[in-house]
């Protein structure tokens, strides 16, 4: 969705940002209401909203994806440890 020509006017840019913001808020509101949208569909939609251009990706997007997955993994593992649902391995 954020695919714009370099010389796009500020009006078009503002409109695109407003549309993306509204879509993201919609996703956030669904989650806040306790809805559990399908993960793959949600991830694909979120990426479509902000990563429509390959040239806008970081230099090593695969590394960023693995790092993000690692952060999520550590968050979930730590939470399970705190809640007593998992014991630390020796």
PDB file of N, CA and C in Angstrom:
ATOM      1  N   UNK A   1       0.814  -1.188   0.000  1.00  0.00           N
ATOM      2  CA  UNK A   1       0.000   0.000   0.000  1.00  0.00           C
ATOM      3  C   UNK A   1       0.865   1.262   0.000  1.00  0.00           C
ATOM      4  N   UNK A   2       2.031   1.221   0.593  1.00  0.00           N
ATOM      5  CA  UNK A   2       2.870   2.419   0.650  1.00  0.00           C
ATOM      6  C   UNK A   2       3.747   2.580  -0.582  1.00  0.00           C
ATOM      7  N   UNK A   3       3.279   2.128  -1.710  1.00  0.00           N
ATOM      8  CA  UNK A   3       4.033   2.292  -2.945  1.00  0.00           C
ATOM      9  C   UNK A   3       3.668   3.647  -3.544  1.00  0.00           C
ATOM     10  N   UNK A   4       4.609   4.545  -3.495  1.00  0.00           N
ATOM     11  CA  UNK A   4       4.401   5.891  -4.022  1.00  0.00           C
ATOM     12  C   UNK A   4       5.562   6.273  -4.913  1.00  0.00           C
ATOM     13  N   UNK A   5       5.263   7.073  -5.881  1.00  0.00           N
ATOM     14  CA  UNK A   5       6.324   7.634  -6.707  1.00  0.00           C
ATOM     15  C   UNK A   5       7.104   8.633  -5.872  1.00  0.00           C
ATOM     16  N   UNK A   6       8.343   8.830  -6.190  1.00  0.00           N
ATOM     17  CA  UNK A   6       9.199   9.736  -5.422  1.00  0.00           C
ATOM     18  C   UNK A   6       8.641  11.159  -5.393  1.00  0.00           C
ATOM     19  N   UNK A   7       8.000  11.566  -6.471  1.00  0.00           N
ATOM     20  CA  UNK A   7       7.485  12.935  -6.559  1.00  0.00           C
ATOM     21  C   UNK A   7       6.004  13.041  -6.195  1.00  0.00           C
ATOM     22  N   UNK A   8       5.496  12.072  -5.439  1.00  0.00           N
ATOM     23  CA  UNK A   8       4.092  12.133  -5.027  1.00  0.00           C
ATOM     24  C   UNK A   8       3.857  13.372  -4.185  1.00  0.00           C
ATOM     25  N   UNK A   9       2.717  13.983  -4.355  1.00  0.00           N
ATOM     26  CA  UNK A   9       2.391  15.169  -3.573  1.00  0.00           C
ATOM     27  C   UNK A   9       2.124  14.821  -2.118  1.00  0.00           C
ATOM     28  N   UNK A  10       2.222  15.838  -1.261  1.00  0.00           N
ATOM     29  CA  UNK A  10       2.014  15.600   0.160  1.00  0.00           C
ATOM     30  C   UNK A  10       0.584  15.186   0.455  1.00  0.00           C
ATOM     31  N   UNK A  11      -0.375  15.625  -0.363  1.00  0.00           N
ATOM     32  CA  UNK A  11      -1.760  15.217  -0.176  1.00  0.00           C
ATOM     33  C   UNK A  11      -1.933  13.717  -0.348  1.00  0.00           C
ATOM     34  N   UNK A  12      -1.301  13.181  -1.389  1.00  0.00           N
ATOM     35  CA  UNK A  12      -1.386  11.741  -1.634  1.00  0.00           C
ATOM     36  C   UNK A  12      -0.677  10.981  -0.516  1.00  0.00           C
ATOM     37  N   UNK A  13       0.452  11.477  -0.097  1.00  0.00           N
ATOM     38  CA  UNK A  13       1.211  10.835   0.974  1.00  0.00           C
ATOM     39  C   UNK A  13       0.404  10.829   2.272  1.00  0.00           C
ATOM     40  N   UNK A  14      -0.208  11.946   2.601  1.00  0.00           N
ATOM     41  CA  UNK A  14      -1.024  12.038   3.811  1.00  0.00           C
ATOM     42  C   UNK A  14      -2.206  11.068   3.737  1.00  0.00           C
ATOM     43  N   UNK A  15      -2.823  10.964   2.566  1.00  0.00           N
ATOM     44  CA  UNK A  15      -3.957  10.056   2.390  1.00  0.00           C
ATOM     45  C   UNK A  15      -3.536   8.605   2.589  1.00  0.00           C
ATOM     46  N   UNK A  16      -2.412   8.224   2.023  1.00  0.00           N
ATOM     47  CA  UNK A  16      -1.921   6.847   2.149  1.00  0.00           C
ATOM     48  C   UNK A  16      -1.615   6.526   3.605  1.00  0.00           C
ATOM     49  N   UNK A  17      -0.933   7.449   4.303  1.00  0.00           N
ATOM     50  CA  UNK A  17      -0.628   7.202   5.715  1.00  0.00           C
ATOM     51  C   UNK A  17      -1.902   7.088   6.540  1.00  0.00           C
ATOM     52  N   UNK A  18      -2.899   7.901   6.244  1.00  0.00           N
ATOM     53  CA  UNK A  18      -4.166   7.832   6.971  1.00  0.00           C
ATOM     54  C   UNK A  18      -4.857   6.487   6.724  1.00  0.00           C
ATOM     55  N   UNK A  19      -4.832   5.993   5.487  1.00  0.00           N
ATOM     56  CA  UNK A  19      -5.443   4.710   5.162  1.00  0.00           C
ATOM     57  C   UNK A  19      -4.740   3.559   5.886  1.00  0.00           C
ATOM     58  N   UNK A  20      -3.429   3.569   5.854  1.00  0.00           N
ATOM     59  CA  UNK A  20      -2.671   2.503   6.515  1.00  0.00           C
ATOM     60  C   UNK A  20      -2.899   2.554   8.025  1.00  0.00           C
ATOM     61  N   UNK A  21      -2.890   3.758   8.587  1.00  0.00           N
ATOM     62  CA  UNK A  21      -3.134   3.914  10.020  1.00  0.00           C
ATOM     63  C   UNK A  21      -4.509   3.360  10.390  1.00  0.00           C
ATOM     64  N   UNK A  22      -5.513   3.647   9.594  1.00  0.00           N
ATOM     65  CA  UNK A  22      -6.868   3.158   9.863  1.00  0.00           C
ATOM     66  C   UNK A  22      -6.924   1.628   9.800  1.00  0.00           C
ATOM     67  N   UNK A  23      -6.267   1.045   8.835  1.00  0.00           N
ATOM     68  CA  UNK A  23      -6.246  -0.420   8.714  1.00  0.00           C
ATOM     69  C   UNK A  23      -5.537  -1.057   9.901  1.00  0.00           C
ATOM     70  N   UNK A  24      -4.397  -0.478  10.301  1.00  0.00           N
ATOM     71  CA  UNK A  24      -3.677  -1.009  11.464  1.00  0.00           C
ATOM     72  C   UNK A  24      -4.513  -0.868  12.734  1.00  0.00           C
ATOM     73  N   UNK A  25      -5.181   0.268  12.894  1.00  0.00           N
ATOM     74  CA  UNK A  25      -6.062   0.451  14.055  1.00  0.00           C
ATOM     75  C   UNK A  25      -7.173  -0.595  14.054  1.00  0.00           C
ATOM     76  N   UNK A  26      -7.706  -0.903  12.885  1.00  0.00           N
ATOM     77  CA  UNK A  26      -8.731  -1.934  12.785  1.00  0.00           C
ATOM     78  C   UNK A  26      -8.224  -3.289  13.259  1.00  0.00           C
ATOM     79  N   UNK A  27      -7.020  -3.640  12.844  1.00  0.00           N
ATOM     80  CA  UNK A  27      -6.414  -4.892  13.311  1.00  0.00           C
ATOM     81  C   UNK A  27      -6.199  -4.859  14.817  1.00  0.00           C
ATOM     82  N   UNK A  28      -5.688  -3.739  15.321  1.00  0.00           N
ATOM     83  CA  UNK A  28      -5.456  -3.600  16.767  1.00  0.00           C
ATOM     84  C   UNK A  28      -6.767  -3.713  17.546  1.00  0.00           C
ATOM     85  N   UNK A  29      -7.830  -3.114  17.035  1.00  0.00           N
ATOM     86  CA  UNK A  29      -9.126  -3.157  17.712  1.00  0.00           C
ATOM     87  C   UNK A  29      -9.699  -4.566  17.742  1.00  0.00           C
ATOM     88  N   UNK A  30      -9.527  -5.294  16.666  1.00  0.00           N
ATOM     89  CA  UNK A  30      -9.994  -6.690  16.644  1.00  0.00           C
ATOM     90  C   UNK A  30      -9.299  -7.499  17.725  1.00  0.00           C
ATOM     91  N   UNK A  31      -8.005  -7.309  17.840  1.00  0.00           N
ATOM     92  CA  UNK A  31      -7.237  -8.037  18.849  1.00  0.00           C
ATOM     93  C   UNK A  31      -7.650  -7.592  20.250  1.00  0.00           C
ATOM     94  N   UNK A  32      -7.850  -6.286  20.440  1.00  0.00           N
ATOM     95  CA  UNK A  32      -8.260  -5.765  21.745  1.00  0.00           C
ATOM     96  C   UNK A  32      -9.625  -6.313  22.160  1.00  0.00           C
ATOM     97  N   UNK A  33     -10.493  -6.604  21.187  1.00  0.00           N
ATOM     98  CA  UNK A  33     -11.819  -7.168  21.485  1.00  0.00           C
ATOM     99  C   UNK A  33     -11.746  -8.663  21.779  1.00  0.00           C
ATOM    100  N   UNK A  34     -10.550  -9.206  21.681  1.00  0.00           N
ATOM    101  CA  UNK A  34     -10.389 -10.629  21.959  1.00  0.00           C
ATOM    102  C   UNK A  34     -10.525 -11.518  20.745  1.00  0.00           C
ATOM    103  N   UNK A  35     -10.669 -10.925  19.587  1.00  0.00           N
ATOM    104  CA  UNK A  35     -10.739 -11.722  18.368  1.00  0.00           C
ATOM    105  C   UNK A  35      -9.352 -12.284  18.076  1.00  0.00           C
ATOM    106  N   UNK A  36      -9.312 -13.437  17.500  1.00  0.00           N
ATOM    107  CA  UNK A  36      -8.036 -14.032  17.125  1.00  0.00           C
ATOM    108  C   UNK A  36      -8.042 -14.304  15.625  1.00  0.00           C
ATOM    109  N   UNK A  37      -7.715 -13.278  14.863  1.00  0.00           N
ATOM    110  CA  UNK A  37      -7.684 -13.476  13.413  1.00  0.00           C
ATOM    111  C   UNK A  37      -6.588 -14.475  13.058  1.00  0.00           C
ATOM    112  N   UNK A  38      -6.740 -15.187  11.953  1.00  0.00           N
ATOM    113  CA  UNK A  38      -5.726 -16.169  11.551  1.00  0.00           C
ATOM    114  C   UNK A  38      -4.354 -15.518  11.435  1.00  0.00           C
ATOM    115  N   UNK A  39      -3.355 -16.147  12.036  1.00  0.00           N
ATOM    116  CA  UNK A  39      -2.012 -15.570  12.104  1.00  0.00           C
ATOM    117  C   UNK A  39      -1.424 -15.286  10.723  1.00  0.00           C
ATOM    118  N   UNK A  40      -1.410 -16.287   9.872  1.00  0.00           N
ATOM    119  CA  UNK A  40      -0.789 -16.100   8.554  1.00  0.00           C
ATOM    120  C   UNK A  40      -1.459 -14.975   7.776  1.00  0.00           C
ATOM    121  N   UNK A  41      -2.784 -14.943   7.827  1.00  0.00           N
ATOM    122  CA  UNK A  41      -3.539 -13.890   7.134  1.00  0.00           C
ATOM    123  C   UNK A  41      -3.218 -12.510   7.721  1.00  0.00           C
ATOM    124  N   UNK A  42      -3.125 -12.438   9.036  1.00  0.00           N
ATOM    125  CA  UNK A  42      -2.843 -11.160   9.700  1.00  0.00           C
ATOM    126  C   UNK A  42      -1.440 -10.666   9.378  1.00  0.00           C
ATOM    127  N   UNK A  43      -0.475 -11.562   9.428  1.00  0.00           N
ATOM    128  CA  UNK A  43       0.905 -11.185   9.107  1.00  0.00           C
ATOM    129  C   UNK A  43       0.998 -10.733   7.661  1.00  0.00           C
ATOM    130  N   UNK A  44       0.378 -11.485   6.773  1.00  0.00           N
ATOM    131  CA  UNK A  44       0.402 -11.134   5.347  1.00  0.00           C
ATOM    132  C   UNK A  44      -0.237  -9.767   5.118  1.00  0.00           C
ATOM    133  N   UNK A  45      -1.352  -9.502   5.798  1.00  0.00           N
ATOM    134  CA  UNK A  45      -2.039  -8.211   5.650  1.00  0.00           C
ATOM    135  C   UNK A  45      -1.180  -7.080   6.187  1.00  0.00           C
ATOM    136  N   UNK A  46      -0.570  -7.285   7.357  1.00  0.00           N
ATOM    137  CA  UNK A  46       0.279  -6.250   7.945  1.00  0.00           C
ATOM    138  C   UNK A  46       1.479  -5.948   7.050  1.00  0.00           C
ATOM    139  N   UNK A  47       2.082  -6.976   6.504  1.00  0.00           N
ATOM    140  CA  UNK A  47       3.211  -6.770   5.593  1.00  0.00           C
ATOM    141  C   UNK A  47       2.743  -6.031   4.343  1.00  0.00           C
ATOM    142  N   UNK A  48       1.587  -6.402   3.846  1.00  0.00           N
ATOM    143  CA  UNK A  48       1.041  -5.734   2.662  1.00  0.00           C
ATOM    144  C   UNK A  48       0.793  -4.254   2.890  1.00  0.00           C
ATOM    145  N   UNK A  49       0.445  -3.909   4.122  1.00  0.00           N
ATOM    146  CA  UNK A  49       0.194  -2.506   4.437  1.00  0.00           C
ATOM    147  C   UNK A  49       1.471  -1.681   4.427  1.00  0.00           C
ATOM    148  N   UNK A  50       2.635  -2.276   4.895  1.00  0.00           N
ATOM    149  CA  UNK A  50       3.844  -1.476   5.062  1.00  0.00           C
ATOM    150  C   UNK A  50       5.031  -1.973   4.233  1.00  0.00           C
ATOM    151  N   UNK A  51       5.108  -3.268   3.622  1.00  0.00           N
ATOM    152  CA  UNK A  51       6.354  -3.747   3.008  1.00  0.00           C
ATOM    153  C   UNK A  51       6.153  -4.073   1.551  1.00  0.00           C
ATOM    154  N   UNK A  52       5.285  -3.212   0.842  1.00  0.00           N
ATOM    155  CA  UNK A  52       4.969  -3.445  -0.557  1.00  0.00           C
ATOM    156  C   UNK A  52       6.134  -3.188  -1.501  1.00  0.00           C
ATOM    157  N   UNK A  53       7.195  -2.625  -0.987  1.00  0.00           N
ATOM    158  CA  UNK A  53       8.349  -2.307  -1.844  1.00  0.00           C
ATOM    159  C   UNK A  53       9.581  -3.039  -1.337  1.00  0.00           C
ATOM    160  N   UNK A  54      10.169  -3.825  -2.193  1.00  0.00           N
ATOM    161  CA  UNK A  54      11.396  -4.533  -1.836  1.00  0.00           C
ATOM    162  C   UNK A  54      12.536  -3.565  -1.518  1.00  0.00           C
ATOM    163  N   UNK A  55      12.576  -2.425  -2.203  1.00  0.00           N
ATOM    164  CA  UNK A  55      13.667  -1.480  -1.971  1.00  0.00           C
ATOM    165  C   UNK A  55      13.546  -0.766  -0.626  1.00  0.00           C
ATOM    166  N   UNK A  56      12.395  -0.901   0.038  1.00  0.00           N
ATOM    167  CA  UNK A  56      12.207  -0.269   1.345  1.00  0.00           C
ATOM    168  C   UNK A  56      12.586  -1.208   2.490  1.00  0.00           C
ATOM    169  N   UNK A  57      12.911  -2.451   2.163  1.00  0.00           N
ATOM    170  CA  UNK A  57      13.298  -3.407   3.197  1.00  0.00           C
ATOM    171  C   UNK A  57      14.702  -3.112   3.706  1.00  0.00           C
ATOM    172  N   UNK A  58      15.019  -3.577   4.925  1.00  0.00           N
ATOM    173  CA  UNK A  58      16.402  -3.421   5.400  1.00  0.00           C
ATOM    174  C   UNK A  58      17.347  -4.183   4.482  1.00  0.00           C
ATOM    175  N   UNK A  59      18.625  -3.930   4.614  1.00  0.00           N
ATOM    176  CA  UNK A  59      19.599  -4.574   3.724  1.00  0.00           C
ATOM    177  C   UNK A  59      19.552  -6.093   3.804  1.00  0.00           C
ATOM    178  N   UNK A  60      19.254  -6.633   4.964  1.00  0.00           N
ATOM    179  CA  UNK A  60      19.195  -8.088   5.129  1.00  0.00           C
ATOM    180  C   UNK A  60      17.860  -8.459   5.778  1.00  0.00           C
ATOM    181  N   UNK A  61      16.761  -8.416   5.008  1.00  0.00           N
ATOM    182  CA  UNK A  61      15.443  -8.673   5.604  1.00  0.00           C
ATOM    183  C   UNK A  61      15.320 -10.050   6.231  1.00  0.00           C
ATOM    184  N   UNK A  62      16.030 -11.028   5.695  1.00  0.00           N
ATOM    185  CA  UNK A  62      15.960 -12.370   6.281  1.00  0.00           C
ATOM    186  C   UNK A  62      16.556 -12.391   7.690  1.00  0.00           C
ATOM    187  N   UNK A  63      17.617 -11.610   7.908  1.00  0.00           N
ATOM    188  CA  UNK A  63      18.193 -11.515   9.251  1.00  0.00           C
ATOM    189  C   UNK A  63      17.218 -10.831  10.202  1.00  0.00           C
ATOM    190  N   UNK A  64      16.553  -9.791   9.724  1.00  0.00           N
ATOM    191  CA  UNK A  64      15.582  -9.080  10.549  1.00  0.00           C
ATOM    192  C   UNK A  64      14.426 -10.015  10.915  1.00  0.00           C
ATOM    193  N   UNK A  65      13.991 -10.831   9.978  1.00  0.00           N
ATOM    194  CA  UNK A  65      12.902 -11.769  10.247  1.00  0.00           C
ATOM    195  C   UNK A  65      13.309 -12.777  11.315  1.00  0.00           C
ATOM    196  N   UNK A  66      14.539 -13.293  11.217  1.00  0.00           N
ATOM    197  CA  UNK A  66      15.015 -14.260  12.209  1.00  0.00           C
ATOM    198  C   UNK A  66      15.171 -13.589  13.569  1.00  0.00           C
ATOM    199  N   UNK A  67      15.698 -12.371  13.599  1.00  0.00           N
ATOM    200  CA  UNK A  67      15.837 -11.649  14.876  1.00  0.00           C
ATOM    201  C   UNK A  67      14.480 -11.380  15.514  1.00  0.00           C
ATOM    202  N   UNK A  68      13.515 -11.004  14.704  1.00  0.00           N
ATOM    203  CA  UNK A  68      12.169 -10.758  15.225  1.00  0.00           C
ATOM    204  C   UNK A  68      11.585 -12.049  15.800  1.00  0.00           C
ATOM    205  N   UNK A  69      11.752 -13.147  15.079  1.00  0.00           N
ATOM    206  CA  UNK A  69      11.265 -14.439  15.572  1.00  0.00           C
ATOM    207  C   UNK A  69      11.952 -14.801  16.890  1.00  0.00           C
ATOM    208  N   UNK A  70      13.240 -14.526  16.993  1.00  0.00           N
ATOM    209  CA  UNK A  70      13.976 -14.807  18.232  1.00  0.00           C
ATOM    210  C   UNK A  70      13.409 -13.981  19.385  1.00  0.00           C
ATOM    211  N   UNK A  71      13.128 -12.715  19.149  1.00  0.00           N
ATOM    212  CA  UNK A  71      12.557 -11.861  20.195  1.00  0.00           C
ATOM    213  C   UNK A  71      11.198 -12.383  20.657  1.00  0.00           C
ATOM    214  N   UNK A  72      10.366 -12.777  19.718  1.00  0.00           N
ATOM    215  CA  UNK A  72       9.058 -13.322  20.075  1.00  0.00           C
ATOM    216  C   UNK A  72       9.238 -14.618  20.866  1.00  0.00           C
ATOM    217  N   UNK A  73      10.130 -15.477  20.421  1.00  0.00           N
ATOM    218  CA  UNK A  73      10.412 -16.731  21.122  1.00  0.00           C
ATOM    219  C   UNK A  73      10.850 -16.470  22.558  1.00  0.00           C
ATOM    220  N   UNK A  74      11.786 -15.554  22.746  1.00  0.00           N
ATOM    221  CA  UNK A  74      12.279 -15.257  24.094  1.00  0.00           C
ATOM    222  C   UNK A  74      11.187 -14.658  24.976  1.00  0.00           C
ATOM    223  N   UNK A  75      10.340 -13.828  24.401  1.00  0.00           N
ATOM    224  CA  UNK A  75       9.232 -13.251  25.151  1.00  0.00           C
ATOM    225  C   UNK A  75       8.299 -14.355  25.642  1.00  0.00           C
ATOM    226  N   UNK A  76       7.909 -15.255  24.747  1.00  0.00           N
ATOM    227  CA  UNK A  76       6.988 -16.331  25.108  1.00  0.00           C
ATOM    228  C   UNK A  76       7.635 -17.266  26.121  1.00  0.00           C
ATOM    229  N   UNK A  77       8.897 -17.622  25.916  1.00  0.00           N
ATOM    230  CA  UNK A  77       9.591 -18.519  26.845  1.00  0.00           C
ATOM    231  C   UNK A  77       9.689 -17.896  28.232  1.00  0.00           C
ATOM    232  N   UNK A  78      10.068 -16.623  28.300  1.00  0.00           N
ATOM    233  CA  UNK A  78      10.178 -15.936  29.588  1.00  0.00           C
ATOM    234  C   UNK A  78       8.834 -15.889  30.296  1.00  0.00           C
ATOM    235  N   UNK A  79       7.802 -15.614  29.557  1.00  0.00           N
ATOM    236  CA  UNK A  79       6.468 -15.563  30.169  1.00  0.00           C
ATOM    237  C   UNK A  79       6.064 -16.932  30.707  1.00  0.00           C
ATOM    238  N   UNK A  80       6.331 -17.980  29.962  1.00  0.00           N
ATOM    239  CA  UNK A  80       6.012 -19.339  30.426  1.00  0.00           C
ATOM    240  C   UNK A  80       6.822 -19.696  31.676  1.00  0.00           C
ATOM    241  N   UNK A  81       8.083 -19.293  31.717  1.00  0.00           N
ATOM    242  CA  UNK A  81       8.904 -19.521  32.908  1.00  0.00           C
ATOM    243  C   UNK A  81       8.311 -18.790  34.109  1.00  0.00           C
ATOM    244  N   UNK A  82       7.957 -17.530  33.933  1.00  0.00           N
ATOM    245  CA  UNK A  82       7.379 -16.726  35.010  1.00  0.00           C
ATOM    246  C   UNK A  82       6.078 -17.303  35.538  1.00  0.00           C
ATOM    247  N   UNK A  83       5.277 -17.854  34.629  1.00  0.00           N
ATOM    248  CA  UNK A  83       3.981 -18.401  35.013  1.00  0.00           C
ATOM    249  C   UNK A  83       4.080 -19.826  35.536  1.00  0.00           C
ATOM    250  N   UNK A  84       5.295 -20.379  35.556  1.00  0.00           N
ATOM    251  CA  UNK A  84       5.483 -21.721  36.066  1.00  0.00           C
ATOM    252  C   UNK A  84       5.030 -22.819  35.118  1.00  0.00           C
ATOM    253  N   UNK A  85       4.844 -22.473  33.885  1.00  0.00           N
ATOM    254  CA  UNK A  85       4.398 -23.465  32.893  1.00  0.00           C
ATOM    255  C   UNK A  85       5.569 -24.156  32.220  1.00  0.00           C
ATOM    256  N   UNK A  86       6.783 -23.708  32.515  1.00  0.00           N
ATOM    257  CA  UNK A  86       7.992 -24.264  31.923  1.00  0.00           C
ATOM    258  C   UNK A  86       9.103 -24.139  32.959  1.00  0.00           C
ATOM    259  N   UNK A  87       9.909 -25.170  33.063  1.00  0.00           N
ATOM    260  CA  UNK A  87      11.042 -25.114  33.986  1.00  0.00           C
ATOM    261  C   UNK A  87      12.311 -24.925  33.188  1.00  0.00           C
ATOM    262  N   UNK A  88      13.223 -24.146  33.754  1.00  0.00           N
ATOM    263  CA  UNK A  88      14.513 -23.880  33.108  1.00  0.00           C
ATOM    264  C   UNK A  88      15.275 -25.185  32.974  1.00  0.00           C
ATOM    265  N   UNK A  89      15.796 -25.467  31.788  1.00  0.00           N
ATOM    266  CA  UNK A  89      16.606 -26.668  31.567  1.00  0.00           C
ATOM    267  C   UNK A  89      17.987 -26.487  32.175  1.00  0.00           C
ATOM    268  N   UNK A  90      18.536 -27.573  32.702  1.00  0.00           N
ATOM    269  CA  UNK A  90      19.877 -27.490  33.317  1.00  0.00           C
ATOM    270  C   UNK A  90      20.958 -27.368  32.292  1.00  0.00           C
TER     271      UNK A  90
END
